[in-house]
C-alpha atoms as a PDB file:
ATOM      1  CA  UNK A   1      73.430 134.464  85.045  1.00  0.00           C
ATOM      2  CA  UNK A   2      72.623 135.105  81.419  1.00  0.00           C
ATOM      3  CA  UNK A   3      73.853 138.365  79.949  1.00  0.00           C
ATOM      4  CA  UNK A   4      71.479 141.128  81.010  1.00  0.00           C
ATOM      5  CA  UNK A   5      69.522 138.575  83.031  1.00  0.00           C
ATOM      6  CA  UNK A   6      67.941 139.191  86.345  1.00  0.00           C
ATOM      7  CA  UNK A   7      65.513 137.801  88.779  1.00  0.00           C
ATOM      8  CA  UNK A   8      63.397 138.916  91.671  1.00  0.00           C
ATOM      9  CA  UNK A   9      63.257 136.935  94.887  1.00  0.00           C
ATOM     10  CA  UNK A  10      62.219 137.340  98.499  1.00  0.00           C
ATOM     11  CA  UNK A  11      64.818 136.873 101.203  1.00  0.00           C
ATOM     12  CA  UNK A  12      64.081 137.431 104.864  1.00  0.00           C
ATOM     13  CA  UNK A  13      60.931 139.370 104.015  1.00  0.00           C
ATOM     14  CA  UNK A  14      62.799 141.688 101.664  1.00  0.00           C
ATOM     15  CA  UNK A  15      62.542 141.916  97.888  1.00  0.00           C
ATOM     16  CA  UNK A  16      65.742 141.720  95.889  1.00  0.00           C
ATOM     17  CA  UNK A  17      66.696 141.730  92.239  1.00  0.00           C
ATOM     18  CA  UNK A  18      69.956 140.666  90.622  1.00  0.00           C
ATOM     19  CA  UNK A  19      71.062 141.934  87.217  1.00  0.00           C
ATOM     20  CA  UNK A  20      74.225 141.441  85.192  1.00  0.00           C
ATOM     21  CA  UNK A  21      75.757 143.818  82.675  1.00  0.00           C
ATOM     22  CA  UNK A  22      79.071 142.734  81.116  1.00  0.00           C
ATOM     23  CA  UNK A  23      81.455 142.380  84.100  1.00  0.00           C
ATOM     24  CA  UNK A  24      79.166 143.923  86.751  1.00  0.00           C
ATOM     25  CA  UNK A  25      76.605 142.148  88.942  1.00  0.00           C
ATOM     26  CA  UNK A  26      74.134 144.396  90.791  1.00  0.00           C
ATOM     27  CA  UNK A  27      71.956 143.218  93.676  1.00  0.00           C
ATOM     28  CA  UNK A  28      69.160 145.631  94.601  1.00  0.00           C
ATOM     29  CA  UNK A  29      67.173 145.078  97.809  1.00  0.00           C
ATOM     30  CA  UNK A  30      64.032 146.727  99.086  1.00  0.00           C
ATOM     31  CA  UNK A  31      63.724 146.564 102.871  1.00  0.00           C
ATOM     32  CA  UNK A  32      60.472 146.214 104.767  1.00  0.00           C
ATOM     33  CA  UNK A  33      60.377 149.987 105.283  1.00  0.00           C
ATOM     34  CA  UNK A  34      60.762 150.587 101.520  1.00  0.00           C
ATOM     35  CA  UNK A  35      64.425 151.631 101.577  1.00  0.00           C
ATOM     36  CA  UNK A  36      66.230 150.579  98.391  1.00  0.00           C
ATOM     37  CA  UNK A  37      69.906 149.586  98.580  1.00  0.00           C
ATOM     38  CA  UNK A  38      72.180 148.330  95.818  1.00  0.00           C
ATOM     39  CA  UNK A  39      75.421 146.358  96.019  1.00  0.00           C
ATOM     40  CA  UNK A  40      77.666 146.045  92.982  1.00  0.00           C
ATOM     41  CA  UNK A  41      80.176 143.266  92.369  1.00  0.00           C
ATOM     42  CA  UNK A  42      82.910 143.350  89.725  1.00  0.00           C
ATOM     43  CA  UNK A  43      83.024 140.055  87.817  1.00  0.00           C
ATOM     44  CA  UNK A  44      86.568 140.543  86.559  1.00  0.00           C
ATOM     45  CA  UNK A  45      88.184 139.503  89.865  1.00  0.00           C
ATOM     46  CA  UNK A  46      88.871 143.043  91.093  1.00  0.00           C
ATOM     47  CA  UNK A  47      87.684 144.130  94.530  1.00  0.00           C
ATOM     48  CA  UNK A  48      84.300 145.828  94.920  1.00  0.00           C
ATOM     49  CA  UNK A  49      83.422 148.161  97.809  1.00  0.00           C
ATOM     50  CA  UNK A  50      79.864 148.573  99.115  1.00  0.00           C
ATOM     51  CA  UNK A  51      78.195 150.273 102.066  1.00  0.00           C
ATOM     52  CA  UNK A  52      74.851 148.983 103.358  1.00  0.00           C
ATOM     53  CA  UNK A  53      73.557 150.739 106.431  1.00  0.00           C
ATOM     54  CA  UNK A  54      76.245 150.421 109.099  1.00  0.00           C
ATOM     55  CA  UNK A  55      78.162 147.746 107.181  1.00  0.00           C
ATOM     56  CA  UNK A  56      81.141 148.511 104.992  1.00  0.00           C
ATOM     57  CA  UNK A  57      82.262 145.632 102.788  1.00  0.00           C
ATOM     58  CA  UNK A  58      84.889 144.639 100.264  1.00  0.00           C
ATOM     59  CA  UNK A  59      84.119 141.723  97.954  1.00  0.00           C
ATOM     60  CA  UNK A  60      85.713 139.688  95.206  1.00  0.00           C
ATOM     61  CA  UNK A  61      83.719 137.560  92.774  1.00  0.00           C
ATOM     62  CA  UNK A  62      85.197 134.572  90.957  1.00  0.00           C
ATOM     63  CA  UNK A  63      83.692 132.203  88.379  1.00  0.00           C
ATOM     64  CA  UNK A  64      84.351 128.466  88.708  1.00  0.00           C
ATOM     65  CA  UNK A  65      86.690 126.830  86.188  1.00  0.00           C
ATOM     66  CA  UNK A  66      83.698 125.552  84.170  1.00  0.00           C
ATOM     67  CA  UNK A  67      81.991 128.980  84.285  1.00  0.00           C
ATOM     68  CA  UNK A  68      78.792 127.534  85.787  1.00  0.00           C
ATOM     69  CA  UNK A  69      78.945 128.971  89.299  1.00  0.00           C
ATOM     70  CA  UNK A  70      80.004 132.237  90.900  1.00  0.00           C
ATOM     71  CA  UNK A  71      81.533 132.602  94.360  1.00  0.00           C
ATOM     72  CA  UNK A  72      81.491 135.988  96.098  1.00  0.00           C
ATOM     73  CA  UNK A  73      83.761 136.411  99.123  1.00  0.00           C
ATOM     74  CA  UNK A  74      82.907 139.443 101.251  1.00  0.00           C
ATOM     75  CA  UNK A  75      84.774 140.954 104.198  1.00  0.00           C
ATOM     76  CA  UNK A  76      82.317 143.026 106.212  1.00  0.00           C
ATOM     77  CA  UNK A  77      83.258 145.594 108.861  1.00  0.00           C
ATOM     78  CA  UNK A  78      80.790 146.977 111.402  1.00  0.00           C
ATOM     79  CA  UNK A  79      81.615 148.757 114.659  1.00  0.00           C
ATOM     80  CA  UNK A  80      85.227 147.614 114.388  1.00  0.00           C
ATOM     81  CA  UNK A  81      84.248 143.944 114.023  1.00  0.00           C
ATOM     82  CA  UNK A  82      85.113 142.059 110.843  1.00  0.00           C
ATOM     83  CA  UNK A  83      83.494 138.943 109.404  1.00  0.00           C
ATOM     84  CA  UNK A  84      83.881 137.030 106.155  1.00  0.00           C
ATOM     85  CA  UNK A  85      80.892 135.816 104.137  1.00  0.00           C
ATOM     86  CA  UNK A  86      81.139 133.269 101.352  1.00  0.00           C
ATOM     87  CA  UNK A  87      78.284 132.975  98.844  1.00  0.00           C
ATOM     88  CA  UNK A  88      78.242 130.583  95.936  1.00  0.00           C
ATOM     89  CA  UNK A  89      75.614 129.735  93.371  1.00  0.00           C
ATOM     90  CA  UNK A  90      74.929 128.493  89.913  1.00  0.00           C
END
């Protein structure tokens, strides 16, 4: 994303916006009931912790070698169950 860039999208009926400031990516979502939640991801390779509802997650973000795409790996824990999510995009 361009420095200070952002964009609004709809995903699963929910609004979300992504912004970048230096080494921090912030994703803000508005749920159908109007609740606003934000997740923050460090872009320097250090782990980020977020809580969304009943989910607790730890994520790492890594740029590709050419700097054109970002991959975020998230380990999510809910009710004692753990799952790993991998998101990548240009």
